[in-house]
Amino acid sequence: MLGLLFVLLNIADLILTAILLRLEIGIEANPLLASMPFWGVAILKLSLPAAVVVWLYRRRHLLYLLNGGMAIVVVWDLSWLIGSV
């Protein structure tokens, strides 16, 4: 369940980032991802979380930390979107 939450939070981050970039009210804060085309960013933001979940399958405490971090990122994205309305 923690792994699914991590993947879903990453998908939410991808969607919110795409909206913010499309509306020109946000930026991609990761310098590596900012230099890539959007399709590359999408592939990384969807495949890497799945790989991390498989790798950390037995390390649930780390998934708690990662979920907390991604939840903060998603709330940050939402605050940018709400603040621009």
Protein backbone atom coordinates (compact mmCIF):
# COMPACT_ATOMS: atom_id res chain seq x y z
CA MET A 1 0.00 0.00 0.00
CA LEU A 2 2.85 2.40 0.80
CA GLY A 3 4.39 1.71 -2.59
CA LEU A 4 1.16 2.46 -4.40
CA LEU A 5 0.82 5.72 -2.47
CA PHE A 6 4.36 6.70 -3.47
CA VAL A 7 3.66 6.04 -7.15
CA LEU A 8 0.34 7.94 -6.98
CA LEU A 9 2.00 10.93 -5.31
CA ASN A 10 4.59 10.99 -8.10
CA ILE A 11 1.83 10.89 -10.72
CA ALA A 12 0.09 13.78 -8.94
CA ASP A 13 3.38 15.71 -8.97
CA LEU A 14 3.78 15.05 -12.70
CA ILE A 15 0.25 16.23 -13.50
CA LEU A 16 0.49 19.33 -11.31
CA THR A 17 3.91 20.21 -12.72
CA ALA A 18 2.55 19.87 -16.26
CA ILE A 19 -0.36 22.17 -15.43
CA LEU A 20 1.89 24.75 -13.77
CA LEU A 21 4.31 24.73 -16.70
CA ARG A 22 1.49 24.95 -19.24
CA LEU A 23 -0.03 27.94 -17.41
CA GLU A 24 3.47 29.47 -17.09
CA ILE A 25 3.07 30.00 -13.35
CA GLY A 26 5.59 27.41 -12.16
CA ILE A 27 8.97 25.92 -12.92
CA GLU A 28 10.55 22.50 -12.66
CA ALA A 29 12.78 22.93 -9.62
CA ASN A 30 14.95 19.90 -10.36
CA PRO A 31 17.74 21.20 -12.63
CA LEU A 32 18.24 17.78 -14.26
CA LEU A 33 14.56 17.47 -15.17
CA ALA A 34 14.25 21.14 -16.16
CA SER A 35 16.73 20.58 -18.99
CA MET A 36 14.80 17.58 -20.39
CA PRO A 37 11.84 17.52 -22.77
CA PHE A 38 8.51 16.85 -21.07
CA TRP A 39 8.20 13.30 -22.38
CA GLY A 40 11.54 12.47 -20.76
CA VAL A 41 10.42 13.98 -17.49
CA ALA A 42 7.20 11.96 -17.65
CA ILE A 43 9.08 8.71 -18.26
CA LEU A 44 11.43 9.36 -15.34
CA LYS A 45 8.68 10.50 -12.97
CA LEU A 46 6.66 7.36 -13.71
CA SER A 47 9.37 4.70 -13.96
CA LEU A 48 11.78 5.70 -11.18
CA PRO A 49 9.15 5.66 -8.40
CA ALA A 50 8.09 2.17 -9.44
CA ALA A 51 11.72 1.01 -9.39
CA VAL A 52 12.24 2.59 -5.96
CA VAL A 53 9.17 0.80 -4.60
CA VAL A 54 10.47 -2.55 -5.84
CA TRP A 55 13.91 -1.83 -4.40
CA LEU A 56 12.54 -0.72 -0.99
CA TYR A 57 9.86 -3.41 -0.77
CA ARG A 58 11.09 -4.69 2.59
CA ARG A 59 12.16 -1.29 3.95
CA ARG A 60 8.80 0.16 4.87
CA HIS A 61 10.28 2.85 7.13
CA LEU A 62 12.01 4.42 4.12
CA LEU A 63 8.76 4.40 2.15
CA TYR A 64 7.13 6.35 4.99
CA LEU A 65 9.84 9.00 4.64
CA LEU A 66 9.57 9.09 0.85
CA ASN A 67 5.78 9.38 1.00
CA GLY A 68 6.08 12.26 3.46
CA GLY A 69 8.53 14.03 1.17
CA MET A 70 6.37 13.54 -1.91
CA ALA A 71 3.27 14.68 -0.01
CA ILE A 72 5.11 17.93 0.78
CA VAL A 73 6.01 18.34 -2.91
CA VAL A 74 2.40 17.78 -4.00
CA VAL A 75 1.10 20.27 -1.40
CA TRP A 76 3.73 22.76 -2.61
CA ASP A 77 2.56 22.28 -6.22
CA LEU A 78 -1.06 22.74 -5.15
CA SER A 79 -0.21 25.91 -3.25
CA TRP A 80 1.32 27.38 -6.43
CA LEU A 81 -1.76 26.43 -8.42
CA ILE A 82 -4.23 27.76 -5.84
CA GLY A 83 -2.17 30.91 -5.28
CA SER A 84 -2.32 31.79 -8.96
CA VAL A 85 -6.13 31.77 -9.13
